[in-house]
Amino acid sequence: MESGWKINPKAGVLLTTLLLVGLLSLLSYSVLTHHFITVTATIKTERLYRAKTMKELFLVYYFTLSDQGQQKGLVKFTQGQCHFFKENEVLDLVVLLDKETFHFSVSETELTKLSERFKDNKKSVSY
């Protein structure tokens, strides 16, 4: 005996399909967003460490310069360039790398420590 209630199975299938499509869309959006964020962070981290490496290479070169040459100038590398100027006993470095600019400051005390470390290398470094 029927109770008079009819069940329409087509509406249930449509609703389930829409929910499944929505869930898959959100899942794929989440995966793509995570991938984009990961790739962006990787690229920025690589550029930062390349700029830090250029800074370290410059500091080795810096101690081979004359006193007048240590005030300001430009050093070109294969992947970028480093502008430097000394102001108020602080050496400011501006590293240009892949259309990005990185700023570094080196205090006089750090320069003194580095000069002690590199004093034996002055003759062996040539640019």
N, C-alpha and C. Protein backbone atom coordinates (compact mmCIF):
# COMPACT_ATOMS: atom_id res chain seq x y z
N MET A 1 0.81 -1.17 0.00
CA MET A 1 0.00 0.00 0.00
C MET A 1 0.86 1.24 0.00
N GLU A 2 0.54 2.20 -0.81
CA GLU A 2 1.31 3.43 -0.85
C GLU A 2 0.74 4.44 0.12
N SER A 3 1.63 5.25 0.68
CA SER A 3 1.18 6.24 1.64
C SER A 3 0.81 7.54 0.98
N GLY A 4 1.05 7.68 -0.30
CA GLY A 4 0.69 8.91 -0.99
C GLY A 4 1.89 9.82 -1.25
N TRP A 5 2.99 9.57 -0.61
CA TRP A 5 4.20 10.36 -0.84
C TRP A 5 4.98 9.76 -1.99
N LYS A 6 5.33 10.60 -2.96
CA LYS A 6 6.11 10.12 -4.09
C LYS A 6 7.53 10.68 -3.97
N ILE A 7 8.49 9.87 -4.22
CA ILE A 7 9.89 10.28 -4.16
C ILE A 7 10.35 10.51 -5.58
N ASN A 8 10.94 11.71 -5.82
CA ASN A 8 11.46 12.05 -7.14
C ASN A 8 12.98 11.88 -7.09
N PRO A 9 13.52 10.80 -7.61
CA PRO A 9 14.96 10.55 -7.50
C PRO A 9 15.79 11.47 -8.37
N LYS A 10 15.25 12.13 -9.36
CA LYS A 10 16.02 13.00 -10.25
C LYS A 10 16.57 14.21 -9.49
N ALA A 11 15.83 14.77 -8.58
CA ALA A 11 16.29 15.94 -7.82
C ALA A 11 17.47 15.57 -6.93
N GLY A 12 17.46 14.41 -6.35
CA GLY A 12 18.56 13.97 -5.50
C GLY A 12 19.84 13.77 -6.29
N VAL A 13 19.76 13.25 -7.49
CA VAL A 13 20.94 13.05 -8.33
C VAL A 13 21.50 14.39 -8.77
N LEU A 14 20.63 15.33 -9.13
CA LEU A 14 21.07 16.66 -9.55
C LEU A 14 21.79 17.38 -8.41
N LEU A 15 21.22 17.32 -7.23
CA LEU A 15 21.83 17.98 -6.07
C LEU A 15 23.18 17.35 -5.74
N THR A 16 23.26 16.04 -5.79
CA THR A 16 24.51 15.34 -5.51
C THR A 16 25.58 15.71 -6.55
N THR A 17 25.18 15.79 -7.80
CA THR A 17 26.12 16.15 -8.87
C THR A 17 26.63 17.57 -8.69
N LEU A 18 25.74 18.49 -8.36
CA LEU A 18 26.16 19.88 -8.13
C LEU A 18 27.11 19.99 -6.94
N LEU A 19 26.83 19.28 -5.89
CA LEU A 19 27.72 19.31 -4.72
C LEU A 19 29.09 18.70 -5.06
N LEU A 20 29.09 17.63 -5.84
CA LEU A 20 30.35 17.01 -6.24
C LEU A 20 31.18 17.94 -7.12
N VAL A 21 30.54 18.61 -8.08
CA VAL A 21 31.24 19.57 -8.94
C VAL A 21 31.78 20.73 -8.11
N GLY A 22 30.99 21.24 -7.17
CA GLY A 22 31.45 22.33 -6.30
C GLY A 22 32.62 21.91 -5.44
N LEU A 23 32.56 20.71 -4.90
CA LEU A 23 33.66 20.21 -4.07
C LEU A 23 34.94 20.03 -4.88
N LEU A 24 34.82 19.47 -6.07
CA LEU A 24 36.00 19.30 -6.93
C LEU A 24 36.57 20.65 -7.36
N SER A 25 35.71 21.63 -7.60
CA SER A 25 36.19 22.97 -7.97
C SER A 25 36.97 23.60 -6.83
N LEU A 26 36.44 23.50 -5.62
CA LEU A 26 37.15 24.06 -4.46
C LEU A 26 38.48 23.34 -4.22
N LEU A 27 38.48 22.04 -4.39
CA LEU A 27 39.70 21.28 -4.21
C LEU A 27 40.77 21.65 -5.24
N SER A 28 40.38 21.77 -6.50
CA SER A 28 41.36 22.14 -7.53
C SER A 28 41.84 23.58 -7.34
N TYR A 29 40.95 24.48 -6.92
CA TYR A 29 41.35 25.86 -6.63
C TYR A 29 42.36 25.89 -5.49
N SER A 30 42.12 25.10 -4.47
CA SER A 30 43.04 25.05 -3.33
C SER A 30 44.41 24.52 -3.75
N VAL A 31 44.45 23.49 -4.57
CA VAL A 31 45.72 22.92 -5.03
C VAL A 31 46.47 23.92 -5.89
N LEU A 32 45.78 24.59 -6.80
CA LEU A 32 46.44 25.57 -7.66
C LEU A 32 46.96 26.76 -6.87
N THR A 33 46.19 27.22 -5.89
CA THR A 33 46.63 28.34 -5.05
C THR A 33 47.87 27.95 -4.25
N HIS A 34 47.85 26.76 -3.67
CA HIS A 34 49.01 26.29 -2.90
C HIS A 34 50.24 26.19 -3.79
N HIS A 35 50.08 25.69 -5.00
CA HIS A 35 51.20 25.58 -5.94
C HIS A 35 51.75 26.96 -6.30
N PHE A 36 50.87 27.91 -6.56
CA PHE A 36 51.30 29.27 -6.91
C PHE A 36 52.07 29.90 -5.76
N ILE A 37 51.57 29.75 -4.54
CA ILE A 37 52.25 30.32 -3.38
C ILE A 37 53.62 29.68 -3.18
N THR A 38 53.70 28.37 -3.36
CA THR A 38 54.97 27.66 -3.20
C THR A 38 55.99 28.11 -4.24
N VAL A 39 55.56 28.22 -5.49
CA VAL A 39 56.48 28.64 -6.56
C VAL A 39 56.96 30.07 -6.32
N THR A 40 56.05 30.96 -5.94
CA THR A 40 56.42 32.36 -5.67
C THR A 40 57.42 32.45 -4.52
N ALA A 41 57.17 31.72 -3.45
CA ALA A 41 58.09 31.75 -2.31
C ALA A 41 59.46 31.19 -2.69
N THR A 42 59.48 30.16 -3.51
CA THR A 42 60.75 29.58 -3.94
C THR A 42 61.56 30.56 -4.77
N ILE A 43 60.90 31.25 -5.70
CA ILE A 43 61.59 32.22 -6.55
C ILE A 43 62.13 33.37 -5.71
N LYS A 44 61.32 33.89 -4.79
CA LYS A 44 61.78 35.01 -3.96
C LYS A 44 62.92 34.60 -3.04
N THR A 45 62.86 33.40 -2.51
CA THR A 45 63.95 32.92 -1.65
C THR A 45 65.24 32.76 -2.44
N GLU A 46 65.13 32.23 -3.65
CA GLU A 46 66.32 32.07 -4.49
C GLU A 46 66.95 33.43 -4.81
N ARG A 47 66.13 34.41 -5.15
CA ARG A 47 66.65 35.75 -5.46
C ARG A 47 67.31 36.38 -4.24
N LEU A 48 66.70 36.21 -3.07
CA LEU A 48 67.28 36.78 -1.85
C LEU A 48 68.66 36.18 -1.58
N TYR A 49 68.79 34.88 -1.71
CA TYR A 49 70.08 34.26 -1.44
C TYR A 49 71.11 34.58 -2.52
N ARG A 50 70.68 34.77 -3.76
CA ARG A 50 71.61 35.22 -4.80
C ARG A 50 72.09 36.63 -4.47
N ALA A 51 71.19 37.50 -3.98
CA ALA A 51 71.59 38.86 -3.60
C ALA A 51 72.54 38.83 -2.41
N LYS A 52 72.28 37.96 -1.44
CA LYS A 52 73.19 37.85 -0.29
C LYS A 52 74.56 37.33 -0.72
N THR A 53 74.58 36.42 -1.68
CA THR A 53 75.85 35.92 -2.20
C THR A 53 76.62 37.03 -2.90
N MET A 54 75.90 37.86 -3.68
CA MET A 54 76.54 39.00 -4.33
C MET A 54 77.10 39.97 -3.30
N LYS A 55 76.38 40.15 -2.20
CA LYS A 55 76.86 41.04 -1.13
C LYS A 55 78.16 40.49 -0.55
N GLU A 56 78.21 39.20 -0.27
CA GLU A 56 79.42 38.60 0.29
C GLU A 56 80.59 38.68 -0.68
N LEU A 57 80.34 38.43 -1.95
CA LEU A 57 81.40 38.56 -2.96
C LEU A 57 81.89 40.00 -3.05
N PHE A 58 80.96 40.95 -2.95
CA PHE A 58 81.35 42.36 -2.99
C PHE A 58 82.22 42.71 -1.79
N LEU A 59 81.86 42.21 -0.61
CA LEU A 59 82.64 42.55 0.58
C LEU A 59 84.07 42.03 0.49
N VAL A 60 84.27 40.89 -0.15
CA VAL A 60 85.64 40.40 -0.36
C VAL A 60 86.37 41.36 -1.28
N TYR A 61 85.69 41.80 -2.33
CA TYR A 61 86.29 42.73 -3.30
C TYR A 61 86.52 44.12 -2.68
N TYR A 62 85.65 44.53 -1.77
CA TYR A 62 85.68 45.87 -1.18
C TYR A 62 87.02 46.17 -0.52
N PHE A 63 87.61 45.20 0.11
CA PHE A 63 88.86 45.44 0.85
C PHE A 63 90.07 45.52 -0.07
N THR A 64 89.92 45.24 -1.35
CA THR A 64 91.02 45.41 -2.29
C THR A 64 91.02 46.81 -2.90
N LEU A 65 89.98 47.60 -2.64
CA LEU A 65 89.88 48.95 -3.20
C LEU A 65 90.74 49.93 -2.42
N SER A 66 91.09 51.03 -3.06
CA SER A 66 91.81 52.10 -2.36
C SER A 66 90.84 52.80 -1.41
N ASP A 67 91.39 53.65 -0.53
CA ASP A 67 90.54 54.37 0.43
C ASP A 67 89.51 55.25 -0.28
N GLN A 68 89.91 55.90 -1.34
CA GLN A 68 88.99 56.75 -2.08
C GLN A 68 87.95 55.90 -2.83
N GLY A 69 88.36 54.75 -3.32
CA GLY A 69 87.45 53.86 -4.03
C GLY A 69 86.43 53.19 -3.12
N GLN A 70 86.70 53.22 -1.81
CA GLN A 70 85.78 52.61 -0.86
C GLN A 70 84.62 53.52 -0.48
N GLN A 71 84.58 54.74 -0.99
CA GLN A 71 83.51 55.67 -0.63
C GLN A 71 82.21 55.41 -1.39
N LYS A 72 82.31 55.25 -2.70
CA LYS A 72 81.12 54.92 -3.48
C LYS A 72 81.54 54.36 -4.83
N GLY A 73 80.63 53.61 -5.43
CA GLY A 73 80.95 53.03 -6.73
C GLY A 73 79.94 51.99 -7.16
N LEU A 74 80.32 51.26 -8.19
CA LEU A 74 79.45 50.25 -8.79
C LEU A 74 80.30 49.04 -9.15
N VAL A 75 79.79 47.87 -8.82
CA VAL A 75 80.45 46.61 -9.18
C VAL A 75 79.43 45.79 -9.96
N LYS A 76 79.84 45.36 -11.15
CA LYS A 76 78.94 44.57 -11.99
C LYS A 76 79.28 43.09 -11.86
N PHE A 77 78.24 42.30 -11.69
CA PHE A 77 78.36 40.84 -11.66
C PHE A 77 77.67 40.29 -12.91
N THR A 78 77.79 39.01 -13.13
CA THR A 78 77.17 38.43 -14.33
C THR A 78 75.65 38.44 -14.25
N GLN A 79 75.09 38.41 -13.06
CA GLN A 79 73.64 38.36 -12.92
C GLN A 79 73.04 39.63 -12.34
N GLY A 80 73.82 40.64 -12.12
CA GLY A 80 73.30 41.87 -11.55
C GLY A 80 74.42 42.84 -11.26
N GLN A 81 74.09 43.85 -10.47
CA GLN A 81 75.11 44.82 -10.11
C GLN A 81 74.88 45.30 -8.68
N CYS A 82 75.94 45.85 -8.11
CA CYS A 82 75.91 46.29 -6.72
C CYS A 82 76.41 47.73 -6.65
N HIS A 83 75.53 48.64 -6.25
CA HIS A 83 75.92 50.02 -6.00
C HIS A 83 76.26 50.12 -4.52
N PHE A 84 77.31 50.86 -4.22
CA PHE A 84 77.66 51.02 -2.81
C PHE A 84 78.08 52.46 -2.55
N PHE A 85 77.80 52.89 -1.33
CA PHE A 85 78.27 54.20 -0.88
C PHE A 85 78.39 54.15 0.64
N LYS A 86 79.42 54.86 1.12
CA LYS A 86 79.69 54.88 2.55
C LYS A 86 79.24 56.23 3.09
N GLU A 87 78.40 56.17 4.10
CA GLU A 87 77.85 57.39 4.68
C GLU A 87 77.71 57.19 6.19
N ASN A 88 78.26 58.12 6.96
CA ASN A 88 78.18 58.07 8.42
C ASN A 88 78.66 56.73 8.98
N GLU A 89 79.80 56.27 8.51
CA GLU A 89 80.43 55.03 8.95
C GLU A 89 79.56 53.80 8.72
N VAL A 90 78.64 53.89 7.77
CA VAL A 90 77.81 52.74 7.39
C VAL A 90 77.95 52.55 5.89
N LEU A 91 78.25 51.34 5.49
CA LEU A 91 78.35 51.02 4.07
C LEU A 91 76.98 50.53 3.61
N ASP A 92 76.36 51.28 2.72
CA ASP A 92 75.06 50.91 2.17
C ASP A 92 75.25 50.24 0.82
N LEU A 93 74.62 49.09 0.66
CA LEU A 93 74.70 48.34 -0.59
C LEU A 93 73.32 48.25 -1.20
N VAL A 94 73.23 48.51 -2.49
CA VAL A 94 71.99 48.34 -3.24
C VAL A 94 72.29 47.33 -4.34
N VAL A 95 71.72 46.16 -4.21
CA VAL A 95 71.95 45.08 -5.17
C VAL A 95 70.76 45.03 -6.12
N LEU A 96 71.04 45.19 -7.41
CA LEU A 96 70.01 45.09 -8.44
C LEU A 96 70.13 43.72 -9.09
N LEU A 97 69.06 42.94 -9.00
CA LEU A 97 69.07 41.56 -9.48
C LEU A 97 67.70 41.21 -10.04
N ASP A 98 67.66 40.88 -11.32
CA ASP A 98 66.40 40.47 -11.98
C ASP A 98 65.26 41.47 -11.75
N LYS A 99 65.52 42.72 -11.97
CA LYS A 99 64.53 43.80 -11.83
C LYS A 99 64.02 43.96 -10.40
N GLU A 100 64.74 43.43 -9.43
CA GLU A 100 64.42 43.62 -8.03
C GLU A 100 65.59 44.31 -7.35
N THR A 101 65.30 45.06 -6.32
CA THR A 101 66.32 45.80 -5.59
C THR A 101 66.39 45.29 -4.16
N PHE A 102 67.59 45.01 -3.70
CA PHE A 102 67.81 44.56 -2.33
C PHE A 102 68.74 45.56 -1.66
N HIS A 103 68.41 45.97 -0.45
CA HIS A 103 69.21 46.94 0.30
C HIS A 103 69.87 46.23 1.49
N PHE A 104 71.16 46.45 1.64
CA PHE A 104 71.91 45.91 2.76
C PHE A 104 72.73 47.04 3.37
N SER A 105 72.92 46.99 4.68
CA SER A 105 73.77 47.95 5.38
C SER A 105 74.81 47.18 6.19
N VAL A 106 76.03 47.67 6.14
CA VAL A 106 77.12 47.04 6.88
C VAL A 106 77.73 48.13 7.76
N SER A 107 77.74 47.90 9.07
CA SER A 107 78.26 48.90 9.99
C SER A 107 79.79 48.89 10.00
N GLU A 108 80.36 49.91 10.60
CA GLU A 108 81.81 50.03 10.67
C GLU A 108 82.43 48.89 11.48
N THR A 109 81.76 48.47 12.54
CA THR A 109 82.30 47.36 13.34
C THR A 109 82.31 46.06 12.55
N GLU A 110 81.26 45.83 11.75
CA GLU A 110 81.25 44.64 10.90
C GLU A 110 82.36 44.71 9.85
N LEU A 111 82.58 45.90 9.30
CA LEU A 111 83.64 46.07 8.30
C LEU A 111 85.01 45.80 8.92
N THR A 112 85.19 46.23 10.16
CA THR A 112 86.47 46.00 10.84
C THR A 112 86.70 44.50 11.04
N LYS A 113 85.66 43.80 11.49
CA LYS A 113 85.78 42.35 11.67
C LYS A 113 86.07 41.65 10.34
N LEU A 114 85.38 42.08 9.30
CA LEU A 114 85.60 41.47 7.99
C LEU A 114 86.99 41.77 7.45
N SER A 115 87.48 42.99 7.70
CA SER A 115 88.81 43.33 7.19
C SER A 115 89.88 42.48 7.88
N GLU A 116 89.69 42.18 9.15
CA GLU A 116 90.63 41.30 9.84
C GLU A 116 90.59 39.89 9.24
N ARG A 117 89.40 39.46 8.88
CA ARG A 117 89.25 38.13 8.31
C ARG A 117 89.84 38.03 6.91
N PHE A 118 89.72 39.12 6.14
CA PHE A 118 90.16 39.11 4.75
C PHE A 118 91.53 39.75 4.53
N LYS A 119 92.23 40.15 5.59
CA LYS A 119 93.48 40.89 5.39
C LYS A 119 94.54 40.04 4.69
N ASP A 120 94.51 38.73 4.87
CA ASP A 120 95.47 37.86 4.19
C ASP A 120 95.09 37.61 2.74
N ASN A 121 93.84 37.86 2.40
CA ASN A 121 93.36 37.57 1.04
C ASN A 121 93.53 38.73 0.08
N LYS A 122 94.02 39.87 0.53
CA LYS A 122 94.09 41.05 -0.34
C LYS A 122 94.94 40.79 -1.58
N LYS A 123 96.00 40.05 -1.42
CA LYS A 123 96.88 39.81 -2.55
C LYS A 123 96.34 38.71 -3.47
N SER A 124 95.56 37.80 -2.92
CA SER A 124 95.10 36.67 -3.73
C SER A 124 93.83 36.99 -4.51
N VAL A 125 93.10 38.03 -4.12
CA VAL A 125 91.85 38.38 -4.81
C VAL A 125 92.18 39.34 -5.94
N SER A 126 91.78 39.00 -7.13
CA SER A 126 92.00 39.90 -8.26
C SER A 126 90.72 40.00 -9.07
N TYR A 127 90.39 41.22 -9.47
CA TYR A 127 89.17 41.45 -10.25
C TYR A 127 89.50 42.29 -11.46
